[in-house]
Structures are given as structure tokens and as C-alpha cells.
Amino acid sequence: DWQFHRHVRARQNICTAGDQLNLVFIMCEGWAFRFVQLSDGRRQVLSIVLPGDVFTATAPFKAKRRSSVQAITDVRFCGYSRGRLKENLIADPDVFSAWTDILVDETSEANHLLVDLGCRSAEERIAHLILSLRRRMKQRGMAVDAFIPFPLRQRLIAEITGLTPEHVNRFMRSFREAGLIETGKKSVTILNRAEFRRIGELRA
């Protein structure tokens, strides 16, 4: 049922909105982001795609892609027959239940994004992004204590949070100066988790 495994280099588009959906893609290695692009070139990032993630949980039910996906790092992903998956969803309650969980998680992430853009301050948005990625990576065994891989450039953080790169740079610097985080090459270490969680308002 697996149609292929494919590699894509960093900063390359993996798939584009409007493409025909014959396969459901699942990330095997690397990071990517799902986004919508306006006619004037502006982008809104909808989600970060991590290893083990389906590119979009609605893939079995839509004939065309509603969003695009671009690699953040070099990635490897696989494609599964959309038709075969729909058959399995109908025939196997366990598969249906597992896919329902994926849909619920995707909806939850979308709701968090709405709250970020509508209610949270710039400082809170950035802290919440880092904390939510840490939670997801911890579930996958990708985070060690307070250390997390973090290959997001400031421009991409800005597109996720609805800010400018200048705002992102200023608040990341203020987090470091306050002793809340330490940044390395493509990594973040949370030094004061309690205070950082207070800012990001992330609930367990």
C-alpha cells in the first residue's frame, strides 16, 4: 500500500495547494511547515509537520490540497494510497479511531493558532510556539529535558506568529537576556520552565 519514499531538500516545496490528492503523505524524517499563500506573496503558516505527522488529516476526504507544504530541513516522507486508506477507515474501527485522534489533534492546533493570533501578545505567541513544539517533540522522544531541536528561522517564526522578523528577534533576545532560554545552532534550551510556561500560558 505504500507507494513511495521520497527525499526533499530544505526550503523546497513538497506539495502545492490545488494539487490532486491521490496519496496521503506522512513525514518520516525532518521538519516541514504547512501554509496558505495569498496572491501578493504573503503566507500564513498553519502548522509545523514533525516526524510521524500526516501532512493534513483531511487528506482522505478531499480531492485537492487546500494548503502547501515546504521543507524546513532536509526531509524524507512516504505516500500512502488515499483510496486504500478510505477503505481501511470504513472497514476497521481501530483505524477509524486512530484517524479521528489525528483529526482532533489537528483541530486543536488550529484552535491554538486562532487564540495566538487573536488574543496573545507577541511575547506570549513566541513562548507558546516554543512550548507547544517541545510538548509535541517530547511525545515523540525528540526532546531531552529542557533541550529541543529548533531549526526555525526568525522569518518563519514571524509567519507562524503573525509578527515581523524584527519583533521576533527582539523578543528572542529579551528571553535570552532574562535567563529564560538559551539558543544554539538550530536548538533551544528552556532554562526557567516555570516562568516561560507562565508567559506562554501552556496548560498540561
Protein backbone atom coordinates (compact mmCIF):
# COMPACT_ATOMS: atom_id res chain seq x y z
CA ASP A 1 0.00 0.00 0.00
CA TRP A 2 2.99 2.34 0.44
CA GLN A 3 3.53 3.99 -2.94
CA PHE A 4 6.95 5.57 -2.40
CA HIS A 5 9.51 7.11 -0.06
CA ARG A 6 10.92 10.43 -1.19
CA HIS A 7 13.60 12.91 -0.10
CA VAL A 8 13.29 16.70 -0.48
CA ARG A 9 15.96 19.28 0.33
CA ALA A 10 15.43 22.10 2.83
CA ARG A 11 13.41 25.13 1.67
CA GLN A 12 11.88 23.23 -1.26
CA ASN A 13 8.12 22.87 -1.72
CA ILE A 14 6.90 19.30 -1.18
CA CYS A 15 3.35 19.85 -2.43
CA THR A 16 1.25 22.82 -3.52
CA ALA A 17 -2.33 23.91 -2.87
CA GLY A 18 -4.58 22.80 -5.71
CA ASP A 19 -2.63 19.61 -6.43
CA GLN A 20 -4.68 16.46 -6.94
CA LEU A 21 -4.76 14.31 -3.79
CA ASN A 22 -4.09 10.71 -4.76
CA LEU A 23 -1.74 9.96 -1.87
CA VAL A 24 -1.69 10.70 1.86
CA PHE A 25 1.77 11.90 2.90
CA ILE A 26 3.39 11.08 6.26
CA MET A 27 6.64 12.64 7.48
CA CYS A 28 9.39 10.12 8.26
CA GLU A 29 12.39 12.39 8.93
CA GLY A 30 12.90 16.14 9.16
CA TRP A 31 10.68 19.19 9.63
CA ALA A 32 8.29 20.96 7.27
CA PHE A 33 5.50 23.52 7.52
CA ARG A 34 2.01 23.69 6.06
CA PHE A 35 0.90 27.10 4.79
CA VAL A 36 -1.53 29.13 2.72
CA GLN A 37 -0.12 31.76 0.36
CA LEU A 38 -2.02 34.85 -0.75
CA SER A 39 -1.86 36.26 -4.28
CA ASP A 40 0.50 39.04 -3.13
CA GLY A 41 3.01 36.50 -1.75
CA ARG A 42 2.16 36.77 1.93
CA ARG A 43 1.98 33.43 3.77
CA GLN A 44 0.21 32.18 6.87
CA VAL A 45 1.77 29.10 8.41
CA LEU A 46 -0.92 26.67 9.58
CA SER A 47 1.21 24.03 11.31
CA ILE A 48 4.68 22.54 11.73
CA VAL A 49 4.97 18.99 10.37
CA LEU A 50 7.18 16.75 12.52
CA PRO A 51 8.27 13.12 12.06
CA GLY A 52 5.22 10.86 12.41
CA ASP A 53 2.77 13.59 11.35
CA VAL A 54 0.32 13.31 8.50
CA PHE A 55 0.66 16.38 6.29
CA THR A 56 -3.05 17.06 6.74
CA ALA A 57 -5.68 14.90 8.43
CA THR A 58 -8.34 15.87 5.88
CA ALA A 59 -6.38 14.25 3.03
CA PRO A 60 -8.57 11.11 2.76
CA PHE A 61 -11.70 13.23 2.32
CA LYS A 62 -10.62 15.94 -0.16
CA ALA A 63 -9.87 15.58 -3.86
CA LYS A 64 -7.46 18.54 -3.92
CA ARG A 65 -4.96 20.00 -1.50
CA ARG A 66 -6.12 23.12 0.34
CA SER A 67 -2.64 24.12 1.54
CA SER A 68 1.01 23.83 0.55
CA VAL A 69 3.89 22.16 2.40
CA GLN A 70 7.54 23.26 2.35
CA ALA A 71 10.57 21.55 3.89
CA ILE A 72 12.33 23.36 6.74
CA THR A 73 15.16 20.82 6.88
CA ASP A 74 16.05 18.03 4.50
CA VAL A 75 13.11 15.64 4.80
CA ARG A 76 12.07 12.10 3.97
CA PHE A 77 8.38 11.31 3.64
CA CYS A 78 6.23 8.48 2.35
CA GLY A 79 2.97 8.32 0.41
CA TYR A 80 0.04 6.02 1.14
CA SER A 81 -2.84 5.33 -1.22
CA ARG A 82 -5.70 7.71 -0.41
CA GLY A 83 -8.29 5.24 -1.73
CA ARG A 84 -6.85 2.37 0.28
CA LEU A 85 -6.85 4.48 3.44
CA LYS A 86 -10.52 5.38 2.95
CA GLU A 87 -11.33 1.67 2.60
CA ASN A 88 -9.46 0.93 5.83
CA LEU A 89 -11.24 3.75 7.66
CA ILE A 90 -14.61 2.27 6.69
CA ALA A 91 -13.68 -1.36 7.36
CA ASP A 92 -11.54 -1.14 10.51
CA PRO A 93 -12.83 0.62 13.66
CA ASP A 94 -9.30 0.82 15.08
CA VAL A 95 -8.04 2.67 12.01
CA PHE A 96 -11.08 4.96 12.14
CA SER A 97 -10.45 5.70 15.82
CA ALA A 98 -6.76 6.40 15.24
CA TRP A 99 -7.56 8.77 12.38
CA THR A 100 -10.18 10.53 14.49
CA ASP A 101 -7.45 11.24 17.05
CA ILE A 102 -5.31 12.78 14.30
CA LEU A 103 -8.23 14.98 13.21
CA VAL A 104 -8.86 16.09 16.80
CA ASP A 105 -5.18 16.99 17.27
CA GLU A 106 -5.13 18.98 14.02
CA THR A 107 -8.27 20.85 15.02
CA SER A 108 -6.77 21.58 18.44
CA GLU A 109 -3.62 23.01 16.82
CA ALA A 110 -5.78 25.19 14.56
CA ASN A 111 -7.69 26.47 17.59
CA HIS A 112 -4.43 27.30 19.38
CA LEU A 113 -3.33 29.29 16.32
CA LEU A 114 -6.57 31.27 16.39
CA VAL A 115 -6.07 32.07 20.07
CA ASP A 116 -2.44 33.07 19.44
CA LEU A 117 -3.33 35.47 16.62
CA GLY A 118 -6.48 36.82 18.26
CA CYS A 119 -5.62 37.09 21.95
CA ARG A 120 -1.97 36.55 22.86
CA SER A 121 0.68 39.25 22.88
CA ALA A 122 3.81 38.95 20.72
CA GLU A 123 5.83 37.69 23.69
CA GLU A 124 3.16 35.11 24.56
CA ARG A 125 2.87 33.86 20.95
CA ILE A 126 6.59 33.12 20.64
CA ALA A 127 6.80 31.43 24.04
CA HIS A 128 3.70 29.36 23.30
CA LEU A 129 5.14 28.25 19.96
CA ILE A 130 8.35 27.00 21.58
CA LEU A 131 6.48 25.27 24.41
CA SER A 132 3.95 23.58 22.12
CA LEU A 133 6.74 22.28 19.86
CA ARG A 134 8.57 20.99 22.94
CA ARG A 135 5.44 19.15 24.06
CA ARG A 136 4.97 17.54 20.65
CA MET A 137 8.63 16.57 20.39
CA LYS A 138 8.64 15.16 23.90
CA GLN A 139 5.72 12.89 22.92
CA ARG A 140 7.90 11.60 20.06
CA GLY A 141 11.06 11.22 22.15
CA MET A 142 12.76 14.09 20.29
CA ALA A 143 13.25 16.39 23.32
CA VAL A 144 15.73 15.75 26.11
CA ASP A 145 14.76 17.54 29.34
CA ALA A 146 14.70 21.26 28.50
CA PHE A 147 16.65 20.91 25.22
CA ILE A 148 14.77 20.79 21.92
CA PRO A 149 15.81 20.87 18.26
CA PHE A 150 14.60 24.16 16.80
CA PRO A 151 15.50 24.72 13.13
CA LEU A 152 13.05 27.61 12.65
CA ARG A 153 14.44 30.82 11.20
CA GLN A 154 13.17 34.14 12.51
CA ARG A 155 11.25 34.85 9.31
CA LEU A 156 9.35 31.56 9.65
CA ILE A 157 8.62 32.21 13.34
CA ALA A 158 7.24 35.58 12.24
CA GLU A 159 4.97 33.93 9.66
CA ILE A 160 3.69 31.46 12.26
CA THR A 161 3.01 34.08 14.91
CA GLY A 162 1.79 36.93 12.69
CA LEU A 163 4.69 39.18 13.70
CA THR A 164 7.62 40.80 11.91
CA PRO A 165 11.13 39.26 11.98
CA GLU A 166 12.24 42.35 13.91
CA HIS A 167 9.68 41.65 16.66
CA VAL A 168 10.77 38.01 16.80
CA ASN A 169 14.44 39.00 17.10
CA ARG A 170 13.69 41.46 19.88
CA PHE A 171 11.65 39.04 22.00
CA MET A 172 14.02 36.11 21.49
CA ARG A 173 16.83 38.40 22.66
CA SER A 174 14.78 39.52 25.68
CA PHE A 175 14.10 35.86 26.60
CA ARG A 176 17.85 35.17 26.50
CA GLU A 177 18.75 38.29 28.49
CA ALA A 178 16.16 37.38 31.15
CA GLY A 179 17.71 33.92 31.51
CA LEU A 180 14.58 32.15 30.28
CA ILE A 181 16.11 30.37 27.29
CA GLU A 182 19.43 29.65 25.67
CA THR A 183 19.66 29.37 21.88
CA GLY A 184 22.20 27.32 19.98
CA LYS A 185 22.62 26.34 16.37
CA LYS A 186 19.14 25.07 15.49
CA SER A 187 18.24 24.41 19.14
CA VAL A 188 16.58 25.99 22.16
CA THR A 189 17.09 25.13 25.84
CA ILE A 190 14.43 26.36 28.28
CA LEU A 191 16.30 27.46 31.41
CA ASN A 192 13.40 28.73 33.53
CA ARG A 193 10.49 26.47 32.63
CA ALA A 194 8.03 27.80 35.22
CA GLU A 195 8.36 31.42 34.13
CA PHE A 196 8.43 30.53 30.46
CA ARG A 197 5.25 28.46 30.85
CA ARG A 198 3.62 31.40 32.63
CA ILE A 199 4.37 33.63 29.66
CA GLY A 200 3.30 31.05 27.08
CA GLU A 201 0.19 30.02 29.04
CA LEU A 202 0.64 26.36 28.04
CA ARG A 203 -1.56 24.03 30.04
CA ALA A 204 -0.63 20.39 30.68
